[in-house]
Amino acid sequence: RRYETLIASDDPLCLGGTLEVSEERCQIITDEVTALAAIRERGVKEFR
């Protein structure tokens, strides 16, 4: 419900969550989704 728009956007994303690893599968249970472009925009100090 929080991240529906981001997940459907086709934009590159950063996901945070819990990794589940077993012999059958490897998957992530995600509880945080952020657009990579937004992360960059917040962290850029100079546009060169």
All heavy atoms as atom14 arrays in JSON, in Angstrom:
{
  "sequence": "RRYETLIASDDPLCLGGTLEVSEERCQIITDEVTALAAIRERGVKEFR",
  "atom14_mask": [
    [1, 1, 1, 1, 1, 1, 1, 1, 1, 1, 1, 0, 0, 0],
    [1, 1, 1, 1, 1, 1, 1, 1, 1, 1, 1, 0, 0, 0],
    [1, 1, 1, 1, 1, 1, 1, 1, 1, 1, 1, 1, 0, 0],
    [1, 1, 1, 1, 1, 1, 1, 1, 1, 0, 0, 0, 0, 0],
    [1, 1, 1, 1, 1, 1, 1, 0, 0, 0, 0, 0, 0, 0],
    [1, 1, 1, 1, 1, 1, 1, 1, 0, 0, 0, 0, 0, 0],
    [1, 1, 1, 1, 1, 1, 1, 1, 0, 0, 0, 0, 0, 0],
    [1, 1, 1, 1, 1, 0, 0, 0, 0, 0, 0, 0, 0, 0],
    [1, 1, 1, 1, 1, 1, 0, 0, 0, 0, 0, 0, 0, 0],
    [1, 1, 1, 1, 1, 1, 1, 1, 0, 0, 0, 0, 0, 0],
    [1, 1, 1, 1, 1, 1, 1, 1, 0, 0, 0, 0, 0, 0],
    [1, 1, 1, 1, 1, 1, 1, 0, 0, 0, 0, 0, 0, 0],
    [1, 1, 1, 1, 1, 1, 1, 1, 0, 0, 0, 0, 0, 0],
    [1, 1, 1, 1, 1, 1, 0, 0, 0, 0, 0, 0, 0, 0],
    [1, 1, 1, 1, 1, 1, 1, 1, 0, 0, 0, 0, 0, 0],
    [1, 1, 1, 1, 0, 0, 0, 0, 0, 0, 0, 0, 0, 0],
    [1, 1, 1, 1, 0, 0, 0, 0, 0, 0, 0, 0, 0, 0],
    [1, 1, 1, 1, 1, 1, 1, 0, 0, 0, 0, 0, 0, 0],
    [1, 1, 1, 1, 1, 1, 1, 1, 0, 0, 0, 0, 0, 0],
    [1, 1, 1, 1, 1, 1, 1, 1, 1, 0, 0, 0, 0, 0],
    [1, 1, 1, 1, 1, 1, 1, 0, 0, 0, 0, 0, 0, 0],
    [1, 1, 1, 1, 1, 1, 0, 0, 0, 0, 0, 0, 0, 0],
    [1, 1, 1, 1, 1, 1, 1, 1, 1, 0, 0, 0, 0, 0],
    [1, 1, 1, 1, 1, 1, 1, 1, 1, 0, 0, 0, 0, 0],
    [1, 1, 1, 1, 1, 1, 1, 1, 1, 1, 1, 0, 0, 0],
    [1, 1, 1, 1, 1, 1, 0, 0, 0, 0, 0, 0, 0, 0],
    [1, 1, 1, 1, 1, 1, 1, 1, 1, 0, 0, 0, 0, 0],
    [1, 1, 1, 1, 1, 1, 1, 1, 0, 0, 0, 0, 0, 0],
    [1, 1, 1, 1, 1, 1, 1, 1, 0, 0, 0, 0, 0, 0],
    [1, 1, 1, 1, 1, 1, 1, 0, 0, 0, 0, 0, 0, 0],
    [1, 1, 1, 1, 1, 1, 1, 1, 0, 0, 0, 0, 0, 0],
    [1, 1, 1, 1, 1, 1, 1, 1, 1, 0, 0, 0, 0, 0],
    [1, 1, 1, 1, 1, 1, 1, 0, 0, 0, 0, 0, 0, 0],
    [1, 1, 1, 1, 1, 1, 1, 0, 0, 0, 0, 0, 0, 0],
    [1, 1, 1, 1, 1, 0, 0, 0, 0, 0, 0, 0, 0, 0],
    [1, 1, 1, 1, 1, 1, 1, 1, 0, 0, 0, 0, 0, 0],
    [1, 1, 1, 1, 1, 0, 0, 0, 0, 0, 0, 0, 0, 0],
    [1, 1, 1, 1, 1, 0, 0, 0, 0, 0, 0, 0, 0, 0],
    [1, 1, 1, 1, 1, 1, 1, 1, 0, 0, 0, 0, 0, 0],
    [1, 1, 1, 1, 1, 1, 1, 1, 1, 1, 1, 0, 0, 0],
    [1, 1, 1, 1, 1, 1, 1, 1, 1, 0, 0, 0, 0, 0],
    [1, 1, 1, 1, 1, 1, 1, 1, 1, 1, 1, 0, 0, 0],
    [1, 1, 1, 1, 0, 0, 0, 0, 0, 0, 0, 0, 0, 0],
    [1, 1, 1, 1, 1, 1, 1, 0, 0, 0, 0, 0, 0, 0],
    [1, 1, 1, 1, 1, 1, 1, 1, 1, 0, 0, 0, 0, 0],
    [1, 1, 1, 1, 1, 1, 1, 1, 1, 0, 0, 0, 0, 0],
    [1, 1, 1, 1, 1, 1, 1, 1, 1, 1, 1, 0, 0, 0],
    [1, 1, 1, 1, 1, 1, 1, 1, 1, 1, 1, 0, 0, 0]
  ],
  "atom14_positions": [
    [[0.83, -1.21, 0.0], [0.0, 0.0, 0.0], [0.86, 1.25, 0.0], [0.51, 2.26, -0.62], [-0.94, -0.01, 1.21], [-2.12, -0.96, 1.07], [-3.16, -0.72, 2.15], [-2.67, -1.1, 3.47], [-2.81, -2.32, 4.0], [-3.44, -3.27, 3.29], [-2.36, -2.6, 5.2], [0.0, 0.0, 0.0], [0.0, 0.0, 0.0], [0.0, 0.0, 0.0]],
    [[2.0, 1.21, 0.7], [2.88, 2.38, 0.76], [3.63, 2.61, -0.54], [3.88, 3.76, -0.93], [3.9, 2.23, 1.9], [3.31, 2.28, 3.28], [4.38, 2.61, 4.32], [5.51, 1.68, 4.28], [5.58, 0.57, 5.0], [4.57, 0.22, 5.8], [6.64, -0.22, 4.94], [0.0, 0.0, 0.0], [0.0, 0.0, 0.0], [0.0, 0.0, 0.0]],
    [[4.01, 1.52, -1.21], [4.94, 1.64, -2.34], [4.33, 1.22, -3.68], [5.07, 1.01, -4.64], [6.19, 0.81, -2.05], [6.89, 1.2, -0.77], [7.03, 0.28, 0.28], [7.39, 2.48, -0.59], [7.67, 0.64, 1.45], [8.04, 2.84, 0.58], [8.18, 1.91, 1.6], [8.82, 2.27, 2.76], [0.0, 0.0, 0.0], [0.0, 0.0, 0.0]],
    [[3.04, 1.1, -3.76], [2.38, 0.62, -4.97], [2.79, 1.41, -6.2], [3.12, 0.83, -7.25], [0.86, 0.69, -4.79], [0.06, 0.3, -6.01], [-1.43, 0.4, -5.79], [-1.85, 0.79, -4.68], [-2.19, 0.1, -6.74], [0.0, 0.0, 0.0], [0.0, 0.0, 0.0], [0.0, 0.0, 0.0], [0.0, 0.0, 0.0], [0.0, 0.0, 0.0]],
    [[2.79, 2.74, -6.1], [3.11, 3.58, -7.26], [4.53, 3.35, -7.74], [4.8, 3.23, -8.94], [2.89, 5.06, -6.93], [1.54, 5.26, -6.52], [3.18, 5.94, -8.15], [0.0, 0.0, 0.0], [0.0, 0.0, 0.0], [0.0, 0.0, 0.0], [0.0, 0.0, 0.0], [0.0, 0.0, 0.0], [0.0, 0.0, 0.0], [0.0, 0.0, 0.0]],
    [[5.48, 3.28, -6.81], [6.88, 3.06, -7.19], [7.08, 1.7, -7.85], [7.77, 1.59, -8.87], [7.78, 3.16, -5.95], [8.19, 4.55, -5.48], [8.94, 4.44, -4.17], [9.03, 5.25, -6.53], [0.0, 0.0, 0.0], [0.0, 0.0, 0.0], [0.0, 0.0, 0.0], [0.0, 0.0, 0.0], [0.0, 0.0, 0.0], [0.0, 0.0, 0.0]],
    [[6.45, 0.68, -7.3], [6.63, -0.67, -7.85], [6.12, -0.76, -9.27], [6.68, -1.48, -10.11], [5.93, -1.7, -6.93], [6.65, -1.79, -5.59], [5.86, -3.07, -7.59], [5.9, -2.57, -4.53], [0.0, 0.0, 0.0], [0.0, 0.0, 0.0], [0.0, 0.0, 0.0], [0.0, 0.0, 0.0], [0.0, 0.0, 0.0], [0.0, 0.0, 0.0]],
    [[5.07, -0.02, -9.59], [4.47, -0.06, -10.93], [5.09, 0.93, -11.9], [4.68, 0.99, -13.06], [2.97, 0.2, -10.83], [0.0, 0.0, 0.0], [0.0, 0.0, 0.0], [0.0, 0.0, 0.0], [0.0, 0.0, 0.0], [0.0, 0.0, 0.0], [0.0, 0.0, 0.0], [0.0, 0.0, 0.0], [0.0, 0.0, 0.0], [0.0, 0.0, 0.0]],
    [[6.12, 1.68, -11.47], [6.62, 2.81, -12.27], [7.6, 2.46, -13.36], [7.87, 3.26, -14.24], [7.29, 3.82, -11.34], [8.5, 3.28, -10.81], [0.0, 0.0, 0.0], [0.0, 0.0, 0.0], [0.0, 0.0, 0.0], [0.0, 0.0, 0.0], [0.0, 0.0, 0.0], [0.0, 0.0, 0.0], [0.0, 0.0, 0.0], [0.0, 0.0, 0.0]],
    [[8.22, 1.27, -13.34], [9.28, 0.87, -14.28], [10.59, 1.59, -14.04], [11.54, 1.44, -14.82], [8.86, 1.09, -15.74], [7.75, 0.16, -16.17], [7.67, -0.95, -15.61], [6.97, 0.54, -17.05], [0.0, 0.0, 0.0], [0.0, 0.0, 0.0], [0.0, 0.0, 0.0], [0.0, 0.0, 0.0], [0.0, 0.0, 0.0], [0.0, 0.0, 0.0]],
    [[10.7, 2.4, -12.98], [11.94, 3.1, -12.69], [12.89, 2.19, -11.9], [12.44, 1.33, -11.14], [11.66, 4.36, -11.86], [10.9, 5.4, -12.64], [11.1, 5.48, -13.87], [10.09, 6.13, -12.03], [0.0, 0.0, 0.0], [0.0, 0.0, 0.0], [0.0, 0.0, 0.0], [0.0, 0.0, 0.0], [0.0, 0.0, 0.0], [0.0, 0.0, 0.0]],
    [[14.21, 2.37, -12.05], [15.16, 1.62, -11.22], [14.93, 1.91, -9.74], [14.74, 3.07, -9.35], [16.52, 2.14, -11.69], [16.28, 2.6, -13.09], [14.91, 3.19, -13.07], [0.0, 0.0, 0.0], [0.0, 0.0, 0.0], [0.0, 0.0, 0.0], [0.0, 0.0, 0.0], [0.0, 0.0, 0.0], [0.0, 0.0, 0.0], [0.0, 0.0, 0.0]],
    [[14.94, 0.87, -8.93], [14.57, 0.99, -7.52], [15.67, 0.45, -6.61], [16.5, -0.36, -7.02], [13.29, 0.21, -7.24], [12.04, 0.57, -8.05], [10.91, -0.39, -7.71], [11.63, 2.01, -7.8], [0.0, 0.0, 0.0], [0.0, 0.0, 0.0], [0.0, 0.0, 0.0], [0.0, 0.0, 0.0], [0.0, 0.0, 0.0], [0.0, 0.0, 0.0]],
    [[15.62, 0.88, -5.35], [16.4, 0.29, -4.28], [15.41, -0.34, -3.3], [14.48, 0.33, -2.83], [17.25, 1.35, -3.58], [18.11, 0.71, -2.11], [0.0, 0.0, 0.0], [0.0, 0.0, 0.0], [0.0, 0.0, 0.0], [0.0, 0.0, 0.0], [0.0, 0.0, 0.0], [0.0, 0.0, 0.0], [0.0, 0.0, 0.0], [0.0, 0.0, 0.0]],
    [[15.59, -1.63, -3.02], [14.72, -2.34, -2.1], [15.48, -2.71, -0.84], [16.62, -3.17, -0.9], [14.18, -3.63, -2.74], [13.48, -3.53, -4.09], [12.9, -4.9, -4.46], [12.36, -2.5, -4.06], [0.0, 0.0, 0.0], [0.0, 0.0, 0.0], [0.0, 0.0, 0.0], [0.0, 0.0, 0.0], [0.0, 0.0, 0.0], [0.0, 0.0, 0.0]],
    [[14.82, -2.54, 0.3], [15.36, -3.02, 1.56], [14.44, -4.08, 2.12], [13.22, -3.98, 1.98], [0.0, 0.0, 0.0], [0.0, 0.0, 0.0], [0.0, 0.0, 0.0], [0.0, 0.0, 0.0], [0.0, 0.0, 0.0], [0.0, 0.0, 0.0], [0.0, 0.0, 0.0], [0.0, 0.0, 0.0], [0.0, 0.0, 0.0], [0.0, 0.0, 0.0]],
    [[15.01, -5.1, 2.74], [14.16, -6.15, 3.28], [14.94, -7.29, 3.89], [16.15, -7.19, 4.14], [0.0, 0.0, 0.0], [0.0, 0.0, 0.0], [0.0, 0.0, 0.0], [0.0, 0.0, 0.0], [0.0, 0.0, 0.0], [0.0, 0.0, 0.0], [0.0, 0.0, 0.0], [0.0, 0.0, 0.0], [0.0, 0.0, 0.0], [0.0, 0.0, 0.0]],
    [[14.23, -8.39, 4.11], [14.82, -9.56, 4.74], [15.05, -10.64, 3.7], [14.15, -10.98, 2.92], [13.87, -10.1, 5.83], [13.63, -9.06, 6.79], [14.5, -11.3, 6.53], [0.0, 0.0, 0.0], [0.0, 0.0, 0.0], [0.0, 0.0, 0.0], [0.0, 0.0, 0.0], [0.0, 0.0, 0.0], [0.0, 0.0, 0.0], [0.0, 0.0, 0.0]],
    [[16.25, -11.18, 3.71], [16.62, -12.22, 2.75], [16.23, -13.59, 3.3], [16.54, -13.92, 4.44], [18.12, -12.18, 2.48], [18.69, -13.2, 1.49], [18.17, -12.92, 0.08], [20.21, -13.17, 1.52], [0.0, 0.0, 0.0], [0.0, 0.0, 0.0], [0.0, 0.0, 0.0], [0.0, 0.0, 0.0], [0.0, 0.0, 0.0], [0.0, 0.0, 0.0]],
    [[15.52, -14.37, 2.48], [15.18, -15.74, 2.84], [15.91, -16.69, 1.9], [15.68, -16.67, 0.69], [13.67, -15.96, 2.77], [12.9, -15.15, 3.81], [11.43, -15.52, 3.87], [10.95, -16.22, 2.94], [10.74, -15.11, 4.83], [0.0, 0.0, 0.0], [0.0, 0.0, 0.0], [0.0, 0.0, 0.0], [0.0, 0.0, 0.0], [0.0, 0.0, 0.0]],
    [[16.81, -17.49, 2.44], [17.63, -18.41, 1.65], [17.38, -19.83, 2.12], [17.44, -20.12, 3.32], [19.13, -18.08, 1.78], [19.95, -19.02, 0.92], [19.4, -16.64, 1.4], [0.0, 0.0, 0.0], [0.0, 0.0, 0.0], [0.0, 0.0, 0.0], [0.0, 0.0, 0.0], [0.0, 0.0, 0.0], [0.0, 0.0, 0.0], [0.0, 0.0, 0.0]],
    [[17.08, -20.7, 1.18], [16.93, -22.12, 1.49], [17.44, -22.92, 0.3], [17.89, -22.35, -0.71], [15.46, -22.46, 1.76], [14.68, -22.31, 0.58], [0.0, 0.0, 0.0], [0.0, 0.0, 0.0], [0.0, 0.0, 0.0], [0.0, 0.0, 0.0], [0.0, 0.0, 0.0], [0.0, 0.0, 0.0], [0.0, 0.0, 0.0], [0.0, 0.0, 0.0]],
    [[17.36, -24.24, 0.4], [17.8, -25.07, -0.73], [16.89, -24.89, -1.94], [17.33, -25.06, -3.07], [17.82, -26.55, -0.31], [18.89, -26.87, 0.72], [18.88, -28.35, 1.06], [18.07, -29.1, 0.47], [19.7, -28.77, 1.91], [0.0, 0.0, 0.0], [0.0, 0.0, 0.0], [0.0, 0.0, 0.0], [0.0, 0.0, 0.0], [0.0, 0.0, 0.0]],
    [[15.62, -24.54, -1.69], [14.66, -24.44, -2.79], [14.66, -23.06, -3.45], [14.43, -22.94, -4.64], [13.25, -24.75, -2.29], [13.02, -26.2, -1.88], [13.58, -26.5, -0.49], [13.71, -25.55, 0.31], [13.91, -27.67, -0.24], [0.0, 0.0, 0.0], [0.0, 0.0, 0.0], [0.0, 0.0, 0.0], [0.0, 0.0, 0.0], [0.0, 0.0, 0.0]],
    [[14.89, -22.01, -2.67], [14.73, -20.69, -3.25], [15.52, -19.64, -2.5], [15.98, -19.86, -1.38], [13.26, -20.28, -3.27], [12.61, -20.21, -1.89], [11.22, -19.58, -1.94], [10.45, -20.08, -3.04], [9.23, -19.67, -3.34], [8.64, -18.76, -2.59], [8.56, -20.17, -4.37], [0.0, 0.0, 0.0], [0.0, 0.0, 0.0], [0.0, 0.0, 0.0]],
    [[15.64, -18.5, -3.17], [16.25, -17.31, -2.57], [15.33, -16.14, -2.89], [15.07, -15.87, -4.07], [17.65, -17.09, -3.14], [18.5, -15.61, -2.52], [0.0, 0.0, 0.0], [0.0, 0.0, 0.0], [0.0, 0.0, 0.0], [0.0, 0.0, 0.0], [0.0, 0.0, 0.0], [0.0, 0.0, 0.0], [0.0, 0.0, 0.0], [0.0, 0.0, 0.0]],
    [[14.82, -15.46, -1.87], [13.88, -14.38, -2.11], [14.04, -13.3, -1.05], [14.67, -13.51, -0.01], [12.45, -14.89, -2.12], [11.98, -15.47, -0.8], [10.58, -16.04, -0.87], [10.04, -16.3, -1.94], [9.96, -16.24, 0.29], [0.0, 0.0, 0.0], [0.0, 0.0, 0.0], [0.0, 0.0, 0.0], [0.0, 0.0, 0.0], [0.0, 0.0, 0.0]],
    [[13.48, -12.14, -1.35], [13.52, -11.01, -0.42], [12.1, -10.64, -0.03], [11.22, -10.51, -0.9], [14.21, -9.79, -1.06], [15.67, -10.09, -1.39], [14.13, -8.58, -0.12], [16.35, -8.98, -2.18], [0.0, 0.0, 0.0], [0.0, 0.0, 0.0], [0.0, 0.0, 0.0], [0.0, 0.0, 0.0], [0.0, 0.0, 0.0], [0.0, 0.0, 0.0]],
    [[11.85, -10.48, 1.27], [10.59, -9.93, 1.77], [10.85, -8.44, 1.99], [11.6, -8.06, 2.9], [10.14, -10.6, 3.07], [10.14, -12.13, 2.92], [8.76, -10.09, 3.48], [9.23, -12.64, 1.82], [0.0, 0.0, 0.0], [0.0, 0.0, 0.0], [0.0, 0.0, 0.0], [0.0, 0.0, 0.0], [0.0, 0.0, 0.0], [0.0, 0.0, 0.0]],
    [[10.27, -7.62, 1.15], [10.61, -6.2, 1.12], [9.7, -5.37, 2.0], [8.48, -5.54, 1.99], [10.53, -5.67, -0.33], [11.59, -6.26, -1.09], [10.68, -4.17, -0.37], [0.0, 0.0, 0.0], [0.0, 0.0, 0.0], [0.0, 0.0, 0.0], [0.0, 0.0, 0.0], [0.0, 0.0, 0.0], [0.0, 0.0, 0.0], [0.0, 0.0, 0.0]],
    [[10.31, -4.45, 2.77], [9.53, -3.52, 3.58], [9.9, -2.06, 3.3], [9.39, -1.15, 3.94], [9.69, -3.82, 5.08], [11.16, -3.89, 5.51], [12.0, -3.24, 4.85], [11.45, -4.59, 6.49], [0.0, 0.0, 0.0], [0.0, 0.0, 0.0], [0.0, 0.0, 0.0], [0.0, 0.0, 0.0], [0.0, 0.0, 0.0], [0.0, 0.0, 0.0]],
    [[10.8, -1.84, 2.31], [11.2, -0.47, 1.97], [11.53, -0.4, 0.48], [12.27, -1.23, -0.05], [12.43, -0.07, 2.79], [12.92, 1.35, 2.52], [14.19, 1.67, 3.29], [14.7, 0.78, 4.01], [14.68, 2.8, 3.15], [0.0, 0.0, 0.0], [0.0, 0.0, 0.0], [0.0, 0.0, 0.0], [0.0, 0.0, 0.0], [0.0, 0.0, 0.0]],
    [[10.95, 0.6, -0.21], [11.19, 0.78, -1.64], [11.45, 2.26, -1.89], [10.68, 3.12, -1.46], [9.97, 0.32, -2.48], [10.27, 0.51, -3.97], [9.59, -1.12, -2.18], [0.0, 0.0, 0.0], [0.0, 0.0, 0.0], [0.0, 0.0, 0.0], [0.0, 0.0, 0.0], [0.0, 0.0, 0.0], [0.0, 0.0, 0.0], [0.0, 0.0, 0.0]],
    [[12.55, 2.56, -2.6], [12.91, 3.94, -2.92], [13.38, 4.01, -4.36], [14.08, 3.1, -4.84], [14.04, 4.45, -2.01], [13.74, 4.15, -0.65], [14.23, 5.95, -2.17], [0.0, 0.0, 0.0], [0.0, 0.0, 0.0], [0.0, 0.0, 0.0], [0.0, 0.0, 0.0], [0.0, 0.0, 0.0], [0.0, 0.0, 0.0], [0.0, 0.0, 0.0]],
    [[13.01, 5.06, -5.07], [13.51, 5.27, -6.43], [14.98, 5.64, -6.38], [15.39, 6.5, -5.59], [12.71, 6.37, -7.13], [0.0, 0.0, 0.0], [0.0, 0.0, 0.0], [0.0, 0.0, 0.0], [0.0, 0.0, 0.0], [0.0, 0.0, 0.0], [0.0, 0.0, 0.0], [0.0, 0.0, 0.0], [0.0, 0.0, 0.0], [0.0, 0.0, 0.0]],
    [[15.79, 4.99, -7.22], [17.22, 5.3, -7.25], [17.46, 6.77, -7.61], [18.39, 7.39, -7.1], [17.93, 4.39, -8.24], [18.51, 3.09, -7.69], [19.03, 2.21, -8.81], [19.6, 3.38, -6.67], [0.0, 0.0, 0.0], [0.0, 0.0, 0.0], [0.0, 0.0, 0.0], [0.0, 0.0, 0.0], [0.0, 0.0, 0.0], [0.0, 0.0, 0.0]],
    [[16.63, 7.31, -8.49], [16.8, 8.71, -8.88], [16.62, 9.63, -7.67], [17.32, 10.64, -7.54], [15.79, 9.07, -9.98], [0.0, 0.0, 0.0], [0.0, 0.0, 0.0], [0.0, 0.0, 0.0], [0.0, 0.0, 0.0], [0.0, 0.0, 0.0], [0.0, 0.0, 0.0], [0.0, 0.0, 0.0], [0.0, 0.0, 0.0], [0.0, 0.0, 0.0]],
    [[15.68, 9.32, -6.79], [15.46, 10.14, -5.6], [16.63, 10.05, -4.64], [17.04, 11.05, -4.04], [14.17, 9.7, -4.91], [0.0, 0.0, 0.0], [0.0, 0.0, 0.0], [0.0, 0.0, 0.0], [0.0, 0.0, 0.0], [0.0, 0.0, 0.0], [0.0, 0.0, 0.0], [0.0, 0.0, 0.0], [0.0, 0.0, 0.0], [0.0, 0.0, 0.0]],
    [[17.2, 8.84, -4.51], [18.37, 8.67, -3.64], [19.53, 9.5, -4.17], [20.23, 10.19, -3.42], [18.77, 7.18, -3.56], [17.68, 6.39, -2.85], [20.11, 7.02, -2.85], [17.92, 4.9, -2.83], [0.0, 0.0, 0.0], [0.0, 0.0, 0.0], [0.0, 0.0, 0.0], [0.0, 0.0, 0.0], [0.0, 0.0, 0.0], [0.0, 0.0, 0.0]],
    [[19.73, 9.44, -5.48], [20.82, 10.22, -6.07], [20.59, 11.72, -5.87], [21.51, 12.46, -5.5], [20.93, 9.93, -7.55], [21.87, 10.91, -8.26], [21.81, 10.76, -9.75], [22.51, 9.56, -10.17], [22.47, 9.08, -11.41], [21.72, 9.67, -12.31], [23.14, 8.0, -11.73], [0.0, 0.0, 0.0], [0.0, 0.0, 0.0], [0.0, 0.0, 0.0]],
    [[19.37, 12.15, -6.13], [19.08, 13.59, -6.04], [19.37, 14.12, -4.64], [19.88, 15.23, -4.49], [17.61, 13.84, -6.4], [17.28, 15.3, -6.61], [15.87, 15.5, -7.16], [15.29, 14.52, -7.67], [15.37, 16.62, -7.07], [0.0, 0.0, 0.0], [0.0, 0.0, 0.0], [0.0, 0.0, 0.0], [0.0, 0.0, 0.0], [0.0, 0.0, 0.0]],
    [[19.07, 13.32, -3.63], [19.33, 13.77, -2.25], [20.82, 13.78, -1.92], [21.28, 14.55, -1.08], [18.6, 12.84, -1.26], [17.1, 12.95, -1.3], [16.49, 12.33, -0.05], [16.74, 10.9, 0.02], [15.89, 9.97, -0.41], [14.75, 10.34, -0.98], [16.18, 8.69, -0.3], [0.0, 0.0, 0.0], [0.0, 0.0, 0.0], [0.0, 0.0, 0.0]],
    [[21.6, 12.9, -2.61], [23.01, 12.75, -2.25], [23.99, 13.53, -3.12], [25.17, 13.6, -2.79], [0.0, 0.0, 0.0], [0.0, 0.0, 0.0], [0.0, 0.0, 0.0], [0.0, 0.0, 0.0], [0.0, 0.0, 0.0], [0.0, 0.0, 0.0], [0.0, 0.0, 0.0], [0.0, 0.0, 0.0], [0.0, 0.0, 0.0], [0.0, 0.0, 0.0]],
    [[23.52, 14.13, -4.22], [24.44, 14.82, -5.13], [24.9, 16.15, -4.54], [24.1, 16.95, -4.06], [23.74, 15.07, -6.49], [24.59, 15.97, -7.38], [23.48, 13.75, -7.19], [0.0, 0.0, 0.0], [0.0, 0.0, 0.0], [0.0, 0.0, 0.0], [0.0, 0.0, 0.0], [0.0, 0.0, 0.0], [0.0, 0.0, 0.0], [0.0, 0.0, 0.0]],
    [[26.22, 16.39, -4.57], [26.79, 17.64, -4.07], [27.12, 18.61, -5.21], [27.21, 19.82, -4.99], [28.05, 17.35, -3.26], [27.78, 16.52, -2.01], [29.06, 16.24, -1.25], [28.79, 15.4, 0.0], [30.03, 15.1, 0.75], [0.0, 0.0, 0.0], [0.0, 0.0, 0.0], [0.0, 0.0, 0.0], [0.0, 0.0, 0.0], [0.0, 0.0, 0.0]],
    [[27.35, 18.07, -6.42], [27.65, 18.93, -7.56], [27.16, 18.25, -8.84], [27.34, 17.05, -9.03], [29.15, 19.19, -7.69], [29.51, 20.13, -8.84], [31.0, 20.4, -8.92], [31.75, 19.95, -8.02], [31.42, 21.04, -9.9], [0.0, 0.0, 0.0], [0.0, 0.0, 0.0], [0.0, 0.0, 0.0], [0.0, 0.0, 0.0], [0.0, 0.0, 0.0]],
    [[26.52, 19.03, -9.7], [26.01, 18.55, -10.99], [27.03, 18.97, -12.05], [27.13, 20.13, -12.41], [24.65, 19.17, -11.28], [23.95, 18.58, -12.48], [23.24, 17.4, -12.38], [24.0, 19.22, -13.71], [22.58, 16.85, -13.47], [23.35, 18.68, -14.81], [22.64, 17.5, -14.69], [0.0, 0.0, 0.0], [0.0, 0.0, 0.0], [0.0, 0.0, 0.0]],
    [[27.81, 17.99, -12.52], [28.95, 18.31, -13.37], [28.71, 17.84, -14.8], [28.52, 16.64, -15.04], [30.2, 17.64, -12.81], [31.5, 18.17, -13.39], [32.64, 17.8, -12.47], [33.87, 18.46, -12.82], [34.95, 18.47, -12.07], [34.95, 17.84, -10.91], [36.05, 19.09, -12.47], [0.0, 0.0, 0.0], [0.0, 0.0, 0.0], [0.0, 0.0, 0.0]]
  ]
}
